[in-house]
Amino acid sequence: MTDTSKPENKEWPLWEVFLQPKSGAHHAHVGSVHAPDAEIALQNARDVYTRRQEGTCIWVVPAEAITSSQPDDENSFFDPADDKIYRHPNFYTLPSEVKGL
C-alpha cells in the first residue's frame, strides 16, 4: 500500500554556481541551477553562465551545504571587527605592478 498523504518532491536540488572569470582571479557567485547531481549541475552551469566563454573554472555547491549569517544579526555578528583597524587596508601602499586588488 502506498502512502499518498505526502506529495513527492520531484524538484531537483538547488546548486549555487561560482565562476572564475580568468585564471588566477577569485571565483564569484553568479547564480543557481537545479540538477540531480554534481556532474549535471556543472553542465547546466556551463550552459547557462558561460555561453560567451566568460569563465575558466566553475564550482557548483549544493545550496543546502551553505551556512549563512542572518541580516538581522548584522550588528552583533560583525561589530567586533570595527575595533580592529589594522585589518583595513588603509595602512598599506601597493606597488603599481599589483593588479586586480
C-alpha atoms as a PDB file:
ATOM      1  CA  MET A   1       0.000   0.000   0.000  1.00  0.00           C
ATOM      2  CA  THR A   2       1.407   3.413  -0.983  1.00  0.00           C
ATOM      3  CA  ASP A   3       1.219   6.385   1.386  1.00  0.00           C
ATOM      4  CA  THR A   4      -0.481   9.182  -0.572  1.00  0.00           C
ATOM      5  CA  SER A   5      -0.715  11.638   2.329  1.00  0.00           C
ATOM      6  CA  LYS A   6       2.617  13.313   1.430  1.00  0.00           C
ATOM      7  CA  PRO A   7       3.258  14.584  -2.084  1.00  0.00           C
ATOM      8  CA  GLU A   8       6.593  13.535  -3.577  1.00  0.00           C
ATOM      9  CA  ASN A   9       9.179  16.259  -4.091  1.00  0.00           C
ATOM     10  CA  LYS A  10      10.061  15.924  -7.769  1.00  0.00           C
ATOM     11  CA  GLU A  11      12.158  19.094  -7.941  1.00  0.00           C
ATOM     12  CA  TRP A  12      15.904  18.643  -8.381  1.00  0.00           C
ATOM     13  CA  PRO A  13      18.178  20.039  -5.665  1.00  0.00           C
ATOM     14  CA  LEU A  14      19.416  23.623  -5.944  1.00  0.00           C
ATOM     15  CA  TRP A  15      23.129  24.188  -6.654  1.00  0.00           C
ATOM     16  CA  GLU A  16      24.908  27.536  -6.214  1.00  0.00           C
ATOM     17  CA  VAL A  17      27.264  28.413  -9.072  1.00  0.00           C
ATOM     18  CA  PHE A  18      30.614  30.189  -8.697  1.00  0.00           C
ATOM     19  CA  LEU A  19      32.566  31.266 -11.782  1.00  0.00           C
ATOM     20  CA  GLN A  20      36.237  32.145 -12.143  1.00  0.00           C
ATOM     21  CA  PRO A  21      36.374  34.716 -14.952  1.00  0.00           C
ATOM     22  CA  LYS A  22      40.084  34.245 -15.720  1.00  0.00           C
ATOM     23  CA  SER A  23      42.941  32.158 -14.388  1.00  0.00           C
ATOM     24  CA  GLY A  24      44.144  33.434 -11.023  1.00  0.00           C
ATOM     25  CA  ALA A  25      41.013  35.503 -10.326  1.00  0.00           C
ATOM     26  CA  HIS A  26      38.626  34.842  -7.449  1.00  0.00           C
ATOM     27  CA  HIS A  27      35.510  32.781  -8.020  1.00  0.00           C
ATOM     28  CA  ALA A  28      32.325  34.859  -7.797  1.00  0.00           C
ATOM     29  CA  HIS A  29      28.754  33.726  -7.218  1.00  0.00           C
ATOM     30  CA  VAL A  30      26.855  34.075 -10.488  1.00  0.00           C
ATOM     31  CA  GLY A  31      23.583  32.278  -9.767  1.00  0.00           C
ATOM     32  CA  SER A  32      21.914  28.941  -9.199  1.00  0.00           C
ATOM     33  CA  VAL A  33      20.847  25.861 -11.146  1.00  0.00           C
ATOM     34  CA  HIS A  34      18.720  22.811 -10.394  1.00  0.00           C
ATOM     35  CA  ALA A  35      20.267  19.408 -11.096  1.00  0.00           C
ATOM     36  CA  PRO A  36      20.036  15.833  -9.801  1.00  0.00           C
ATOM     37  CA  ASP A  37      23.806  15.555  -9.180  1.00  0.00           C
ATOM     38  CA  ALA A  38      27.086  17.495  -9.313  1.00  0.00           C
ATOM     39  CA  GLU A  39      28.021  16.442 -12.841  1.00  0.00           C
ATOM     40  CA  ILE A  40      24.722  17.622 -14.315  1.00  0.00           C
ATOM     41  CA  ALA A  41      24.922  20.777 -12.164  1.00  0.00           C
ATOM     42  CA  LEU A  42      28.306  21.560 -13.771  1.00  0.00           C
ATOM     43  CA  GLN A  43      26.884  21.005 -17.248  1.00  0.00           C
ATOM     44  CA  ASN A  44      23.816  23.147 -16.513  1.00  0.00           C
ATOM     45  CA  ALA A  45      26.005  25.890 -15.027  1.00  0.00           C
ATOM     46  CA  ARG A  46      28.259  25.823 -18.083  1.00  0.00           C
ATOM     47  CA  ASP A  47      25.278  26.059 -20.421  1.00  0.00           C
ATOM     48  CA  VAL A  48      23.628  28.901 -18.501  1.00  0.00           C
ATOM     49  CA  TYR A  49      26.543  31.025 -17.258  1.00  0.00           C
ATOM     50  CA  THR A  50      29.347  30.597 -19.827  1.00  0.00           C
ATOM     51  CA  ARG A  51      27.573  30.882 -23.156  1.00  0.00           C
ATOM     52  CA  ARG A  52      30.063  33.509 -24.330  1.00  0.00           C
ATOM     53  CA  GLN A  53      33.172  31.789 -22.908  1.00  0.00           C
ATOM     54  CA  GLU A  54      33.179  34.066 -19.837  1.00  0.00           C
ATOM     55  CA  GLY A  55      34.934  31.667 -17.474  1.00  0.00           C
ATOM     56  CA  THR A  56      37.889  29.396 -16.937  1.00  0.00           C
ATOM     57  CA  CYS A  57      36.565  27.376 -13.977  1.00  0.00           C
ATOM     58  CA  ILE A  58      33.138  26.642 -12.453  1.00  0.00           C
ATOM     59  CA  TRP A  59      32.312  25.500  -8.935  1.00  0.00           C
ATOM     60  CA  VAL A  60      28.895  24.099  -8.037  1.00  0.00           C
ATOM     61  CA  VAL A  61      27.917  23.700  -4.399  1.00  0.00           C
ATOM     62  CA  PRO A  62      24.706  22.169  -3.052  1.00  0.00           C
ATOM     63  CA  ALA A  63      22.717  25.096  -1.660  1.00  0.00           C
ATOM     64  CA  GLU A  64      21.871  23.049   1.431  1.00  0.00           C
ATOM     65  CA  ALA A  65      25.618  22.859   2.243  1.00  0.00           C
ATOM     66  CA  ILE A  66      25.905  26.644   2.621  1.00  0.00           C
ATOM     67  CA  THR A  67      25.514  28.172   6.062  1.00  0.00           C
ATOM     68  CA  SER A  68      24.865  31.892   6.232  1.00  0.00           C
ATOM     69  CA  SER A  69      24.681  34.590   8.860  1.00  0.00           C
ATOM     70  CA  GLN A  70      21.323  36.349   9.155  1.00  0.00           C
ATOM     71  CA  PRO A  71      20.825  40.013   8.148  1.00  0.00           C
ATOM     72  CA  ASP A  72      19.086  40.658  11.493  1.00  0.00           C
ATOM     73  CA  ASP A  73      22.306  39.647  13.293  1.00  0.00           C
ATOM     74  CA  GLU A  74      24.454  42.137  11.364  1.00  0.00           C
ATOM     75  CA  ASN A  75      25.333  44.416  14.302  1.00  0.00           C
ATOM     76  CA  SER A  76      26.215  41.697  16.778  1.00  0.00           C
ATOM     77  CA  PHE A  77      27.869  39.432  14.225  1.00  0.00           C
ATOM     78  CA  PHE A  78      30.127  41.991  12.513  1.00  0.00           C
ATOM     79  CA  ASP A  79      30.556  44.598  15.257  1.00  0.00           C
ATOM     80  CA  PRO A  80      33.690  43.055  16.837  1.00  0.00           C
ATOM     81  CA  ALA A  81      35.661  43.781  13.639  1.00  0.00           C
ATOM     82  CA  ASP A  82      35.132  47.552  13.982  1.00  0.00           C
ATOM     83  CA  ASP A  83      37.749  47.853  16.730  1.00  0.00           C
ATOM     84  CA  LYS A  84      40.479  46.154  14.661  1.00  0.00           C
ATOM     85  CA  ILE A  85      41.504  48.945  12.322  1.00  0.00           C
ATOM     86  CA  TYR A  86      44.703  47.109  11.416  1.00  0.00           C
ATOM     87  CA  ARG A  87      42.550  44.728   9.353  1.00  0.00           C
ATOM     88  CA  HIS A  88      41.621  47.508   6.938  1.00  0.00           C
ATOM     89  CA  PRO A  89      43.997  48.029   4.005  1.00  0.00           C
ATOM     90  CA  ASN A  90      44.247  51.826   4.559  1.00  0.00           C
ATOM     91  CA  PHE A  91      47.727  51.496   6.083  1.00  0.00           C
ATOM     92  CA  TYR A  92      49.378  49.794   3.140  1.00  0.00           C
ATOM     93  CA  THR A  93      50.569  51.200  -0.130  1.00  0.00           C
ATOM     94  CA  LEU A  94      50.569  48.786  -3.030  1.00  0.00           C
ATOM     95  CA  PRO A  95      53.149  48.909  -5.799  1.00  0.00           C
ATOM     96  CA  SER A  96      51.787  49.937  -9.177  1.00  0.00           C
ATOM     97  CA  GLU A  97      52.666  46.471 -10.513  1.00  0.00           C
ATOM     98  CA  VAL A  98      49.963  44.851  -8.320  1.00  0.00           C
ATOM     99  CA  LYS A  99      46.813  44.385 -10.394  1.00  0.00           C
ATOM    100  CA  GLY A 100      43.335  43.147  -9.503  1.00  0.00           C
ATOM    101  CA  LEU A 101      43.066  44.276  -5.885  1.00  0.00           C
END
